[in-house]
Amino acid sequence: MINKIVMTMASLRLLSGTLEICAAMLMLRWNQIDKALVVNSSLALVGPLVLITTTTIGLIGISDKLSAAKMVWITVGVTCLLIGILKK
């Protein structure tokens, strides 16, 4: 039997991947640079949101197995990742 938390995380990633494929198909269909940039910019918002959501769900799932110090280090690490991804 598949763990509910793992299933939720995997489902979010499948949804994100499906959105990526649909966006690529839209870009090809419209065949215009300005519209492709709009679609691409929209995806730039989805990626970090999926990262935050799946990480949060995973951390909730293992929170009873981690000490408070480890949770802080994980939170700091994810924050650094997001700063690196979103910083322009």
PDB file of N, CA and C in Angstrom:
ATOM      1  N   MET A   1       0.840  -1.188   0.000  1.00  0.00           N
ATOM      2  CA  MET A   1       0.000   0.000   0.000  1.00  0.00           C
ATOM      3  C   MET A   1       0.879   1.242   0.000  1.00  0.00           C
ATOM      4  N   ILE A   2       0.516   2.213  -0.794  1.00  0.00           N
ATOM      5  CA  ILE A   2       1.298   3.440  -0.919  1.00  0.00           C
ATOM      6  C   ILE A   2       0.917   4.415   0.195  1.00  0.00           C
ATOM      7  N   ASN A   3       1.931   5.006   0.791  1.00  0.00           N
ATOM      8  CA  ASN A   3       1.746   5.989   1.839  1.00  0.00           C
ATOM      9  C   ASN A   3       0.982   7.193   1.275  1.00  0.00           C
ATOM     10  N   LYS A   4       0.009   7.702   2.042  1.00  0.00           N
ATOM     11  CA  LYS A   4      -0.821   8.820   1.581  1.00  0.00           C
ATOM     12  C   LYS A   4       0.001  10.081   1.328  1.00  0.00           C
ATOM     13  N   ILE A   5       0.994  10.315   2.163  1.00  0.00           N
ATOM     14  CA  ILE A   5       1.817  11.507   2.001  1.00  0.00           C
ATOM     15  C   ILE A   5       2.652  11.398   0.726  1.00  0.00           C
ATOM     16  N   VAL A   6       3.228  10.219   0.508  1.00  0.00           N
ATOM     17  CA  VAL A   6       4.014  10.005  -0.718  1.00  0.00           C
ATOM     18  C   VAL A   6       3.106  10.142  -1.947  1.00  0.00           C
ATOM     19  N   MET A   7       1.901   9.607  -1.870  1.00  0.00           N
ATOM     20  CA  MET A   7       0.962   9.706  -2.985  1.00  0.00           C
ATOM     21  C   MET A   7       0.608  11.168  -3.274  1.00  0.00           C
ATOM     22  N   THR A   8       0.416  11.952  -2.237  1.00  0.00           N
ATOM     23  CA  THR A   8       0.101  13.371  -2.413  1.00  0.00           C
ATOM     24  C   THR A   8       1.271  14.112  -3.051  1.00  0.00           C
ATOM     25  N   MET A   9       2.483  13.846  -2.562  1.00  0.00           N
ATOM     26  CA  MET A   9       3.664  14.492  -3.122  1.00  0.00           C
ATOM     27  C   MET A   9       3.848  14.109  -4.591  1.00  0.00           C
ATOM     28  N   ALA A  10       3.703  12.844  -4.897  1.00  0.00           N
ATOM     29  CA  ALA A  10       3.852  12.376  -6.277  1.00  0.00           C
ATOM     30  C   ALA A  10       2.763  12.965  -7.175  1.00  0.00           C
ATOM     31  N   SER A  11       1.554  13.057  -6.656  1.00  0.00           N
ATOM     32  CA  SER A  11       0.451  13.627  -7.446  1.00  0.00           C
ATOM     33  C   SER A  11       0.709  15.089  -7.790  1.00  0.00           C
ATOM     34  N   LEU A  12       1.237  15.843  -6.829  1.00  0.00           N
ATOM     35  CA  LEU A  12       1.572  17.241  -7.092  1.00  0.00           C
ATOM     36  C   LEU A  12       2.649  17.356  -8.169  1.00  0.00           C
ATOM     37  N   ARG A  13       3.639  16.471  -8.111  1.00  0.00           N
ATOM     38  CA  ARG A  13       4.699  16.490  -9.117  1.00  0.00           C
ATOM     39  C   ARG A  13       4.164  16.087 -10.493  1.00  0.00           C
ATOM     40  N   LEU A  14       3.251  15.119 -10.527  1.00  0.00           N
ATOM     41  CA  LEU A  14       2.628  14.739 -11.801  1.00  0.00           C
ATOM     42  C   LEU A  14       1.808  15.893 -12.371  1.00  0.00           C
ATOM     43  N   LEU A  15       1.082  16.576 -11.516  1.00  0.00           N
ATOM     44  CA  LEU A  15       0.309  17.741 -11.947  1.00  0.00           C
ATOM     45  C   LEU A  15       1.236  18.827 -12.490  1.00  0.00           C
ATOM     46  N   SER A  16       2.332  19.073 -11.793  1.00  0.00           N
ATOM     47  CA  SER A  16       3.296  20.067 -12.233  1.00  0.00           C
ATOM     48  C   SER A  16       3.900  19.682 -13.588  1.00  0.00           C
ATOM     49  N   GLY A  17       4.249  18.425 -13.750  1.00  0.00           N
ATOM     50  CA  GLY A  17       4.797  17.959 -15.019  1.00  0.00           C
ATOM     51  C   GLY A  17       3.797  18.076 -16.156  1.00  0.00           C
ATOM     52  N   THR A  18       2.547  17.780 -15.851  1.00  0.00           N
ATOM     53  CA  THR A  18       1.487  17.903 -16.855  1.00  0.00           C
ATOM     54  C   THR A  18       1.321  19.360 -17.283  1.00  0.00           C
ATOM     55  N   LEU A  19       1.382  20.268 -16.316  1.00  0.00           N
ATOM     56  CA  LEU A  19       1.307  21.700 -16.641  1.00  0.00           C
ATOM     57  C   LEU A  19       2.480  22.122 -17.529  1.00  0.00           C
ATOM     58  N   GLU A  20       3.663  21.594 -17.252  1.00  0.00           N
ATOM     59  CA  GLU A  20       4.842  21.913 -18.066  1.00  0.00           C
ATOM     60  C   GLU A  20       4.645  21.451 -19.510  1.00  0.00           C
ATOM     61  N   ILE A  21       4.146  20.234 -19.675  1.00  0.00           N
ATOM     62  CA  ILE A  21       3.918  19.698 -21.017  1.00  0.00           C
ATOM     63  C   ILE A  21       2.844  20.499 -21.748  1.00  0.00           C
ATOM     64  N   CYS A  22       1.768  20.819 -21.050  1.00  0.00           N
ATOM     65  CA  CYS A  22       0.700  21.623 -21.666  1.00  0.00           C
ATOM     66  C   CYS A  22       1.220  23.004 -22.068  1.00  0.00           C
ATOM     67  N   ALA A  23       2.056  23.590 -21.228  1.00  0.00           N
ATOM     68  CA  ALA A  23       2.622  24.901 -21.548  1.00  0.00           C
ATOM     69  C   ALA A  23       3.501  24.816 -22.796  1.00  0.00           C
ATOM     70  N   ALA A  24       4.292  23.769 -22.899  1.00  0.00           N
ATOM     71  CA  ALA A  24       5.135  23.601 -24.089  1.00  0.00           C
ATOM     72  C   ALA A  24       4.276  23.434 -25.341  1.00  0.00           C
ATOM     73  N   MET A  25       3.197  22.701 -25.221  1.00  0.00           N
ATOM     74  CA  MET A  25       2.305  22.524 -26.373  1.00  0.00           C
ATOM     75  C   MET A  25       1.655  23.844 -26.774  1.00  0.00           C
ATOM     76  N   LEU A  26       1.268  24.653 -25.787  1.00  0.00           N
ATOM     77  CA  LEU A  26       0.700  25.971 -26.091  1.00  0.00           C
ATOM     78  C   LEU A  26       1.716  26.860 -26.799  1.00  0.00           C
ATOM     79  N   MET A  27       2.953  26.828 -26.321  1.00  0.00           N
ATOM     80  CA  MET A  27       3.997  27.622 -26.959  1.00  0.00           C
ATOM     81  C   MET A  27       4.157  27.224 -28.424  1.00  0.00           C
ATOM     82  N   LEU A  28       4.188  25.931 -28.668  1.00  0.00           N
ATOM     83  CA  LEU A  28       4.329  25.453 -30.048  1.00  0.00           C
ATOM     84  C   LEU A  28       3.108  25.801 -30.894  1.00  0.00           C
ATOM     85  N   ARG A  29       1.932  25.688 -30.313  1.00  0.00           N
ATOM     86  CA  ARG A  29       0.710  25.968 -31.066  1.00  0.00           C
ATOM     87  C   ARG A  29       0.608  27.450 -31.443  1.00  0.00           C
ATOM     88  N   TRP A  30       0.892  28.325 -30.466  1.00  0.00           N
ATOM     89  CA  TRP A  30       0.777  29.753 -30.733  1.00  0.00           C
ATOM     90  C   TRP A  30       1.918  30.274 -31.600  1.00  0.00           C
ATOM     91  N   ASN A  31       3.108  29.692 -31.447  1.00  0.00           N
ATOM     92  CA  ASN A  31       4.256  30.009 -32.296  1.00  0.00           C
ATOM     93  C   ASN A  31       4.579  31.503 -32.318  1.00  0.00           C
ATOM     94  N   GLN A  32       4.430  32.162 -31.169  1.00  0.00           N
ATOM     95  CA  GLN A  32       4.747  33.582 -31.047  1.00  0.00           C
ATOM     96  C   GLN A  32       5.597  33.792 -29.802  1.00  0.00           C
ATOM     97  N   ILE A  33       6.670  34.534 -29.962  1.00  0.00           N
ATOM     98  CA  ILE A  33       7.605  34.730 -28.864  1.00  0.00           C
ATOM     99  C   ILE A  33       6.955  35.413 -27.673  1.00  0.00           C
ATOM    100  N   ASP A  34       6.154  36.451 -27.909  1.00  0.00           N
ATOM    101  CA  ASP A  34       5.548  37.180 -26.794  1.00  0.00           C
ATOM    102  C   ASP A  34       4.607  36.295 -25.985  1.00  0.00           C
ATOM    103  N   LYS A  35       3.822  35.466 -26.658  1.00  0.00           N
ATOM    104  CA  LYS A  35       2.918  34.558 -25.941  1.00  0.00           C
ATOM    105  C   LYS A  35       3.694  33.452 -25.229  1.00  0.00           C
ATOM    106  N   ALA A  36       4.770  32.988 -25.852  1.00  0.00           N
ATOM    107  CA  ALA A  36       5.606  31.967 -25.220  1.00  0.00           C
ATOM    108  C   ALA A  36       6.245  32.503 -23.938  1.00  0.00           C
ATOM    109  N   LEU A  37       6.637  33.761 -23.956  1.00  0.00           N
ATOM    110  CA  LEU A  37       7.210  34.367 -22.750  1.00  0.00           C
ATOM    111  C   LEU A  37       6.186  34.484 -21.626  1.00  0.00           C
ATOM    112  N   VAL A  38       4.950  34.789 -21.982  1.00  0.00           N
ATOM    113  CA  VAL A  38       3.887  34.878 -20.970  1.00  0.00           C
ATOM    114  C   VAL A  38       3.662  33.505 -20.336  1.00  0.00           C
ATOM    115  N   VAL A  39       3.588  32.479 -21.168  1.00  0.00           N
ATOM    116  CA  VAL A  39       3.400  31.113 -20.659  1.00  0.00           C
ATOM    117  C   VAL A  39       4.587  30.720 -19.783  1.00  0.00           C
ATOM    118  N   ASN A  40       5.788  31.014 -20.245  1.00  0.00           N
ATOM    119  CA  ASN A  40       6.988  30.670 -19.488  1.00  0.00           C
ATOM    120  C   ASN A  40       7.032  31.397 -18.147  1.00  0.00           C
ATOM    121  N   SER A  41       6.625  32.643 -18.135  1.00  0.00           N
ATOM    122  CA  SER A  41       6.600  33.411 -16.885  1.00  0.00           C
ATOM    123  C   SER A  41       5.603  32.823 -15.893  1.00  0.00           C
ATOM    124  N   SER A  42       4.490  32.338 -16.404  1.00  0.00           N
ATOM    125  CA  SER A  42       3.501  31.699 -15.539  1.00  0.00           C
ATOM    126  C   SER A  42       4.083  30.444 -14.897  1.00  0.00           C
ATOM    127  N   LEU A  43       4.856  29.702 -15.664  1.00  0.00           N
ATOM    128  CA  LEU A  43       5.475  28.494 -15.121  1.00  0.00           C
ATOM    129  C   LEU A  43       6.511  28.817 -14.053  1.00  0.00           C
ATOM    130  N   ALA A  44       7.126  29.984 -14.165  1.00  0.00           N
ATOM    131  CA  ALA A  44       8.120  30.380 -13.168  1.00  0.00           C
ATOM    132  C   ALA A  44       7.491  30.537 -11.787  1.00  0.00           C
ATOM    133  N   LEU A  45       6.198  30.796 -11.736  1.00  0.00           N
ATOM    134  CA  LEU A  45       5.493  30.885 -10.456  1.00  0.00           C
ATOM    135  C   LEU A  45       5.099  29.509  -9.935  1.00  0.00           C
ATOM    136  N   VAL A  46       4.751  28.611 -10.847  1.00  0.00           N
ATOM    137  CA  VAL A  46       4.261  27.293 -10.457  1.00  0.00           C
ATOM    138  C   VAL A  46       5.367  26.446  -9.833  1.00  0.00           C
ATOM    139  N   GLY A  47       6.563  26.471 -10.423  1.00  0.00           N
ATOM    140  CA  GLY A  47       7.668  25.628  -9.946  1.00  0.00           C
ATOM    141  C   GLY A  47       7.982  25.799  -8.467  1.00  0.00           C
ATOM    142  N   PRO A  48       8.266  27.014  -8.023  1.00  0.00           N
ATOM    143  CA  PRO A  48       8.557  27.200  -6.600  1.00  0.00           C
ATOM    144  C   PRO A  48       7.381  26.852  -5.683  1.00  0.00           C
ATOM    145  N   LEU A  49       6.166  27.114  -6.147  1.00  0.00           N
ATOM    146  CA  LEU A  49       4.996  26.761  -5.322  1.00  0.00           C
ATOM    147  C   LEU A  49       4.897  25.254  -5.134  1.00  0.00           C
ATOM    148  N   VAL A  50       5.161  24.503  -6.183  1.00  0.00           N
ATOM    149  CA  VAL A  50       5.132  23.045  -6.081  1.00  0.00           C
ATOM    150  C   VAL A  50       6.255  22.569  -5.159  1.00  0.00           C
ATOM    151  N   LEU A  51       7.441  23.170  -5.291  1.00  0.00           N
ATOM    152  CA  LEU A  51       8.566  22.826  -4.413  1.00  0.00           C
ATOM    153  C   LEU A  51       8.209  23.053  -2.945  1.00  0.00           C
ATOM    154  N   ILE A  52       7.666  24.220  -2.655  1.00  0.00           N
ATOM    155  CA  ILE A  52       7.298  24.545  -1.269  1.00  0.00           C
ATOM    156  C   ILE A  52       6.233  23.588  -0.755  1.00  0.00           C
ATOM    157  N   THR A  53       5.218  23.336  -1.565  1.00  0.00           N
ATOM    158  CA  THR A  53       4.117  22.484  -1.138  1.00  0.00           C
ATOM    159  C   THR A  53       4.563  21.053  -0.894  1.00  0.00           C
ATOM    160  N   THR A  54       5.304  20.471  -1.841  1.00  0.00           N
ATOM    161  CA  THR A  54       5.731  19.077  -1.667  1.00  0.00           C
ATOM    162  C   THR A  54       6.701  18.940  -0.500  1.00  0.00           C
ATOM    163  N   THR A  55       7.582  19.913  -0.334  1.00  0.00           N
ATOM    164  CA  THR A  55       8.515  19.870   0.794  1.00  0.00           C
ATOM    165  C   THR A  55       7.766  19.979   2.114  1.00  0.00           C
ATOM    166  N   THR A  56       6.800  20.866   2.173  1.00  0.00           N
ATOM    167  CA  THR A  56       6.010  21.029   3.403  1.00  0.00           C
ATOM    168  C   THR A  56       5.261  19.746   3.745  1.00  0.00           C
ATOM    169  N   ILE A  57       4.641  19.143   2.746  1.00  0.00           N
ATOM    170  CA  ILE A  57       3.911  17.894   2.981  1.00  0.00           C
ATOM    171  C   ILE A  57       4.861  16.811   3.474  1.00  0.00           C
ATOM    172  N   GLY A  58       6.029  16.714   2.845  1.00  0.00           N
ATOM    173  CA  GLY A  58       7.016  15.721   3.266  1.00  0.00           C
ATOM    174  C   GLY A  58       7.501  15.963   4.686  1.00  0.00           C
ATOM    175  N   LEU A  59       7.746  17.219   5.020  1.00  0.00           N
ATOM    176  CA  LEU A  59       8.206  17.541   6.379  1.00  0.00           C
ATOM    177  C   LEU A  59       7.134  17.251   7.422  1.00  0.00           C
ATOM    178  N   ILE A  60       5.902  17.516   7.080  1.00  0.00           N
ATOM    179  CA  ILE A  60       4.809  17.184   8.003  1.00  0.00           C
ATOM    180  C   ILE A  60       4.773  15.674   8.223  1.00  0.00           C
ATOM    181  N   GLY A  61       5.011  14.933   7.149  1.00  0.00           N
ATOM    182  CA  GLY A  61       4.981  13.476   7.247  1.00  0.00           C
ATOM    183  C   GLY A  61       6.077  12.894   8.116  1.00  0.00           C
ATOM    184  N   ILE A  62       7.234  13.553   8.173  1.00  0.00           N
ATOM    185  CA  ILE A  62       8.326  13.009   8.985  1.00  0.00           C
ATOM    186  C   ILE A  62       8.614  13.850  10.227  1.00  0.00           C
ATOM    187  N   SER A  63       7.764  14.795  10.519  1.00  0.00           N
ATOM    188  CA  SER A  63       8.012  15.708  11.640  1.00  0.00           C
ATOM    189  C   SER A  63       8.140  14.985  12.973  1.00  0.00           C
ATOM    190  N   ASP A  64       7.446  13.879  13.138  1.00  0.00           N
ATOM    191  CA  ASP A  64       7.544  13.153  14.403  1.00  0.00           C
ATOM    192  C   ASP A  64       8.863  12.404  14.538  1.00  0.00           C
ATOM    193  N   LYS A  65       9.614  12.250  13.448  1.00  0.00           N
ATOM    194  CA  LYS A  65      10.880  11.522  13.470  1.00  0.00           C
ATOM    195  C   LYS A  65      12.088  12.441  13.532  1.00  0.00           C
ATOM    196  N   LEU A  66      11.878  13.760  13.392  1.00  0.00           N
ATOM    197  CA  LEU A  66      12.982  14.708  13.379  1.00  0.00           C
ATOM    198  C   LEU A  66      12.980  15.572  14.629  1.00  0.00           C
ATOM    199  N   SER A  67      14.186  15.936  15.051  1.00  0.00           N
ATOM    200  CA  SER A  67      14.291  16.856  16.176  1.00  0.00           C
ATOM    201  C   SER A  67      14.004  18.272  15.683  1.00  0.00           C
ATOM    202  N   ALA A  68      13.760  19.156  16.626  1.00  0.00           N
ATOM    203  CA  ALA A  68      13.468  20.549  16.284  1.00  0.00           C
ATOM    204  C   ALA A  68      14.660  21.187  15.566  1.00  0.00           C
ATOM    205  N   ALA A  69      15.870  20.837  15.987  1.00  0.00           N
ATOM    206  CA  ALA A  69      17.073  21.404  15.360  1.00  0.00           C
ATOM    207  C   ALA A  69      17.168  20.986  13.894  1.00  0.00           C
ATOM    208  N   LYS A  70      16.869  19.743  13.599  1.00  0.00           N
ATOM    209  CA  LYS A  70      16.912  19.271  12.214  1.00  0.00           C
ATOM    210  C   LYS A  70      15.836  19.949  11.370  1.00  0.00           C
ATOM    211  N   MET A  71      14.672  20.156  11.952  1.00  0.00           N
ATOM    212  CA  MET A  71      13.604  20.861  11.220  1.00  0.00           C
ATOM    213  C   MET A  71      14.038  22.288  10.879  1.00  0.00           C
ATOM    214  N   VAL A  72      14.728  22.945  11.807  1.00  0.00           N
ATOM    215  CA  VAL A  72      15.223  24.300  11.551  1.00  0.00           C
ATOM    216  C   VAL A  72      16.227  24.281  10.406  1.00  0.00           C
ATOM    217  N   TRP A  73      17.155  23.316  10.426  1.00  0.00           N
ATOM    218  CA  TRP A  73      18.153  23.227   9.353  1.00  0.00           C
ATOM    219  C   TRP A  73      17.499  22.957   7.993  1.00  0.00           C
ATOM    220  N   ILE A  74      16.504  22.117   7.965  1.00  0.00           N
ATOM    221  CA  ILE A  74      15.791  21.841   6.711  1.00  0.00           C
ATOM    222  C   ILE A  74      15.089  23.102   6.220  1.00  0.00           C
ATOM    223  N   THR A  75      14.447  23.818   7.130  1.00  0.00           N
ATOM    224  CA  THR A  75      13.764  25.064   6.771  1.00  0.00           C
ATOM    225  C   THR A  75      14.757  26.088   6.234  1.00  0.00           C
ATOM    226  N   VAL A  76      15.905  26.212   6.862  1.00  0.00           N
ATOM    227  CA  VAL A  76      16.942  27.133   6.386  1.00  0.00           C
ATOM    228  C   VAL A  76      17.409  26.717   4.990  1.00  0.00           C
ATOM    229  N   GLY A  77      17.599  25.419   4.774  1.00  0.00           N
ATOM    230  CA  GLY A  77      18.031  24.933   3.468  1.00  0.00           C
ATOM    231  C   GLY A  77      17.023  25.225   2.369  1.00  0.00           C
ATOM    232  N   VAL A  78      15.759  24.977   2.647  1.00  0.00           N
ATOM    233  CA  VAL A  78      14.711  25.253   1.659  1.00  0.00           C
ATOM    234  C   VAL A  78      14.621  26.750   1.392  1.00  0.00           C
ATOM    235  N   THR A  79      14.755  27.555   2.430  1.00  0.00           N
ATOM    236  CA  THR A  79      14.737  29.012   2.260  1.00  0.00           C
ATOM    237  C   THR A  79      15.885  29.457   1.363  1.00  0.00           C
ATOM    238  N   CYS A  80      17.072  28.906   1.572  1.00  0.00           N
ATOM    239  CA  CYS A  80      18.213  29.246   0.711  1.00  0.00           C
ATOM    240  C   CYS A  80      17.958  28.856  -0.733  1.00  0.00           C
ATOM    241  N   LEU A  81      17.353  27.685  -0.945  1.00  0.00           N
ATOM    242  CA  LEU A  81      17.014  27.269  -2.296  1.00  0.00           C
ATOM    243  C   LEU A  81      16.065  28.264  -2.956  1.00  0.00           C
ATOM    244  N   LEU A  82      15.042  28.650  -2.234  1.00  0.00           N
ATOM    245  CA  LEU A  82      14.058  29.582  -2.786  1.00  0.00           C
ATOM    246  C   LEU A  82      14.680  30.955  -3.073  1.00  0.00           C
ATOM    247  N   ILE A  83      15.531  31.410  -2.198  1.00  0.00           N
ATOM    248  CA  ILE A  83      16.211  32.690  -2.441  1.00  0.00           C
ATOM    249  C   ILE A  83      17.043  32.584  -3.703  1.00  0.00           C
ATOM    250  N   GLY A  84      17.764  31.481  -3.850  1.00  0.00           N
ATOM    251  CA  GLY A  84      18.591  31.280  -5.036  1.00  0.00           C
ATOM    252  C   GLY A  84      17.781  31.170  -6.311  1.00  0.00           C
ATOM    253  N   ILE A  85      16.611  30.563  -6.228  1.00  0.00           N
ATOM    254  CA  ILE A  85      15.764  30.393  -7.416  1.00  0.00           C
ATOM    255  C   ILE A  85      15.060  31.688  -7.781  1.00  0.00           C
ATOM    256  N   LEU A  86      14.517  32.375  -6.797  1.00  0.00           N
ATOM    257  CA  LEU A  86      13.677  33.532  -7.049  1.00  0.00           C
ATOM    258  C   LEU A  86      14.422  34.856  -7.134  1.00  0.00           C
ATOM    259  N   LYS A  87      15.640  34.902  -6.630  1.00  0.00           N
ATOM    260  CA  LYS A  87      16.420  36.146  -6.623  1.00  0.00           C
ATOM    261  C   LYS A  87      16.811  36.512  -8.062  1.00  0.00           C
ATOM    262  N   LYS A  88      16.579  37.756  -8.428  1.00  0.00           N
ATOM    263  CA  LYS A  88      16.915  38.191  -9.794  1.00  0.00           C
ATOM    264  C   LYS A  88      18.104  39.097  -9.796  1.00  0.00           C
TER     265      LYS A  88
END
